[in-house]
Each structure stands twice: as C-alpha cells, then as structure tokens.
N, C-alpha and C. Protein backbone atom coordinates (compact mmCIF):
# COMPACT_ATOMS: atom_id res chain seq x y z
N UNK A 1 107.58 100.94 72.89
CA UNK A 1 107.19 99.65 72.35
C UNK A 1 107.44 99.51 70.94
N UNK A 2 108.34 98.52 70.92
CA UNK A 2 109.04 98.23 69.42
C UNK A 2 107.82 98.12 68.37
N UNK A 3 107.85 98.30 67.16
CA UNK A 3 106.89 98.16 66.26
C UNK A 3 106.31 96.97 66.08
N UNK A 4 107.09 95.84 66.10
CA UNK A 4 106.55 94.72 65.96
C UNK A 4 105.92 93.75 66.99
N UNK A 5 105.79 94.89 68.53
CA UNK A 5 105.39 94.11 69.39
C UNK A 5 103.69 94.50 69.20
N UNK A 6 102.76 93.45 69.48
CA UNK A 6 101.41 93.50 69.41
C UNK A 6 101.01 94.14 70.79
N UNK A 7 99.98 94.99 70.55
CA UNK A 7 99.19 95.50 71.60
C UNK A 7 98.73 94.13 72.66
N UNK A 8 98.23 93.39 72.15
CA UNK A 8 97.78 92.19 72.81
C UNK A 8 98.59 91.42 73.46
N UNK A 9 100.03 91.19 73.01
CA UNK A 9 100.79 90.58 73.82
C UNK A 9 101.39 91.42 74.68
N UNK A 10 101.19 92.69 74.69
CA UNK A 10 101.85 93.75 75.58
C UNK A 10 100.65 93.56 76.79
N UNK A 11 99.38 93.36 76.51
CA UNK A 11 98.43 93.37 77.72
C UNK A 11 98.64 92.08 78.19
N UNK A 12 98.85 91.05 77.59
CA UNK A 12 98.95 89.86 78.33
C UNK A 12 100.09 89.78 79.20
N UNK A 13 101.25 90.31 78.89
CA UNK A 13 102.31 90.18 79.71
C UNK A 13 102.25 91.26 81.03
N UNK A 14 101.25 92.15 80.66
CA UNK A 14 100.84 93.19 82.06
C UNK A 14 99.96 92.21 82.90
N UNK A 15 98.87 91.29 82.41
CA UNK A 15 98.13 90.52 83.04
C UNK A 15 98.84 89.23 83.78
N UNK A 16 99.75 88.88 83.03
CA UNK A 16 100.56 87.90 83.84
C UNK A 16 101.64 88.35 85.20
N UNK A 17 102.17 89.58 84.76
CA UNK A 17 102.98 90.15 85.99
C UNK A 17 101.96 90.67 86.99
N UNK A 18 100.53 91.26 87.04
CA UNK A 18 99.93 91.33 87.74
C UNK A 18 99.12 90.17 88.60
N UNK A 19 99.12 89.19 87.88
CA UNK A 19 98.70 87.92 88.76
C UNK A 19 99.75 87.02 89.21
N UNK A 20 101.05 87.70 88.89
CA UNK A 20 102.24 87.09 89.81
C UNK A 20 102.32 85.50 89.62
N UNK A 21 102.15 85.15 88.44
CA UNK A 21 102.65 83.83 87.68
C UNK A 21 101.20 82.97 88.16
N UNK A 22 99.97 83.42 88.65
CA UNK A 22 98.86 82.51 88.89
C UNK A 22 98.05 82.44 87.61
N UNK A 23 97.20 81.48 87.38
CA UNK A 23 96.52 81.30 86.30
C UNK A 23 95.31 82.31 86.67
N UNK A 24 94.41 82.89 85.84
CA UNK A 24 93.20 83.53 86.27
C UNK A 24 92.42 82.81 87.36
N UNK A 25 92.28 81.37 87.09
CA UNK A 25 91.52 80.49 88.00
C UNK A 25 91.90 80.72 89.35
N UNK A 26 93.45 80.43 89.28
CA UNK A 26 94.01 80.39 90.76
C UNK A 26 94.06 81.57 91.55
N UNK A 27 94.00 82.85 90.85
CA UNK A 27 93.98 84.11 91.36
C UNK A 27 92.63 84.34 91.94
N UNK A 28 91.73 83.84 91.06
CA UNK A 28 90.02 84.27 91.70
C UNK A 28 90.11 83.20 93.11
N UNK A 29 90.55 82.00 93.03
CA UNK A 29 90.40 81.20 94.07
C UNK A 29 91.04 81.69 95.54
N UNK A 30 92.36 82.52 95.49
CA UNK A 30 93.42 83.17 96.20
C UNK A 30 92.55 84.42 96.87
N UNK A 31 91.86 85.21 95.79
CA UNK A 31 91.21 86.32 96.29
C UNK A 31 89.87 85.81 96.90
N UNK A 32 89.11 84.58 96.76
CA UNK A 32 88.09 84.25 97.26
C UNK A 32 88.18 83.86 98.65
N UNK A 33 89.45 83.16 99.10
CA UNK A 33 89.87 82.43 100.10
C UNK A 33 90.20 83.83 101.08
N UNK A 34 90.91 84.80 100.44
CA UNK A 34 91.01 86.04 101.24
C UNK A 34 89.96 86.92 101.78
N UNK A 35 89.07 86.86 100.85
CA UNK A 35 87.77 87.50 101.15
C UNK A 35 86.90 86.57 102.34
N UNK A 36 87.08 85.41 102.44
CA UNK A 36 86.41 84.71 103.25
C UNK A 36 87.03 84.94 104.54
N UNK A 37 88.50 85.03 104.63
CA UNK A 37 89.13 85.07 106.08
C UNK A 37 88.61 86.61 106.36
N UNK A 38 88.78 87.55 105.66
CA UNK A 38 88.20 88.76 106.27
C UNK A 38 86.80 88.85 106.77
N UNK A 39 85.83 88.15 106.27
CA UNK A 39 84.76 88.02 106.58
C UNK A 39 84.67 87.23 108.10
N UNK A 40 85.51 86.13 108.29
CA UNK A 40 85.66 85.68 109.36
C UNK A 40 86.41 86.44 110.47
N UNK A 41 87.44 87.44 110.03
CA UNK A 41 87.92 88.01 110.94
C UNK A 41 86.69 89.35 111.40
N UNK A 42 85.96 89.78 110.51
CA UNK A 42 84.78 90.63 111.09
C UNK A 42 83.80 89.97 111.89
N UNK A 43 83.63 88.87 111.56
CA UNK A 43 82.81 87.95 112.37
C UNK A 43 83.31 87.93 113.85
N UNK A 44 84.34 87.86 113.89
CA UNK A 44 84.82 87.60 115.11
C UNK A 44 85.11 88.78 116.15
N UNK A 45 85.30 89.77 115.43
CA UNK A 45 85.26 91.32 116.12
C UNK A 45 83.94 91.57 116.25
N UNK A 46 82.93 91.36 115.53
CA UNK A 46 81.53 91.73 115.72
C UNK A 46 81.12 90.84 117.05
N UNK A 47 81.50 89.55 117.29
CA UNK A 47 81.18 88.62 118.57
C UNK A 47 81.84 89.43 119.61
N UNK A 48 83.17 89.64 119.47
CA UNK A 48 83.78 90.41 120.69
C UNK A 48 83.47 91.68 120.84
N UNK A 49 82.97 92.61 120.09
CA UNK A 49 82.36 93.63 120.61
C UNK A 49 81.15 93.61 121.17
N UNK A 50 80.16 92.58 120.73
CA UNK A 50 79.12 92.36 121.64
C UNK A 50 79.15 92.00 122.95
N UNK A 51 80.12 90.99 123.07
CA UNK A 51 80.54 90.73 124.35
C UNK A 51 80.80 91.61 125.32
N UNK A 52 81.83 92.73 124.95
CA UNK A 52 82.07 93.83 125.55
C UNK A 52 80.96 94.64 125.75
N UNK A 53 80.27 94.98 125.07
CA UNK A 53 79.01 95.44 125.21
C UNK A 53 77.79 95.15 126.47
N UNK A 54 78.07 93.75 126.16
CA UNK A 54 77.01 93.26 127.20
C UNK A 54 77.50 93.21 128.44
N UNK A 55 78.80 92.93 128.54
CA UNK A 55 79.56 93.27 130.09
C UNK A 55 79.23 94.59 130.73
N UNK A 56 79.66 95.49 129.73
CA UNK A 56 79.33 97.16 130.06
C UNK A 56 78.01 97.11 130.52
N UNK A 57 76.99 96.76 129.79
CA UNK A 57 75.36 96.80 130.28
C UNK A 57 75.33 96.24 131.31
N UNK A 58 75.67 95.13 131.67
CA UNK A 58 75.57 94.46 133.10
C UNK A 58 75.99 95.38 134.38
N UNK A 59 77.25 95.84 133.76
CA UNK A 59 78.23 96.83 134.81
C UNK A 59 77.15 97.90 135.26
N UNK A 60 76.65 98.72 134.07
CA UNK A 60 75.89 99.91 134.48
C UNK A 60 74.68 99.58 135.01
N UNK A 61 74.03 98.46 134.78
CA UNK A 61 72.90 97.97 135.37
C UNK A 61 73.12 97.65 136.82
N UNK A 62 74.16 97.15 137.15
CA UNK A 62 74.49 96.88 138.85
C UNK A 62 74.77 98.38 139.32
N UNK A 63 75.21 99.09 138.92
CA UNK A 63 75.37 100.79 139.31
C UNK A 63 74.32 101.29 139.64
N UNK A 64 73.14 101.07 138.87
CA UNK A 64 71.82 101.77 138.57
C UNK A 64 71.06 101.35 139.74
N UNK A 65 71.19 99.85 140.18
CA UNK A 65 70.43 99.32 141.07
C UNK A 65 70.52 99.78 142.37
C-alpha cells in the first residue's frame, strides 16, 4: 500500500468493490428481496411436501382398511 494511501480510502474502495457498484441502501434492498424469495421458495417446498405426505398417508390408510 503506498505511503500516501489512507487506510480509510482503502477500506472504502474495498467496500465499493464488495457492493458491486450499488449504494449500501440498494444492496440492502436487493438482499432483502433475495431473502424474501428464498422464504417464498421454502414455503412452496413445505406445501409440496405436506401434499405428498397427505397423499402417502391416504394410500397407507387404504391399504390398511
């Protein structure tokens, strides 16, 4: 690191690179939307698994009767 380079400037450049050109606010919004999408995917998977379990239970009950 050059002598004239301020450590704060270096940290700011690293943060800018990590954010991919987004402002911190934009990065938070994008992360929030991604988290919401993951939650929606999990909810859909839970519903699908519940449906499968109910079908399996119904088949088992038929065979036991």
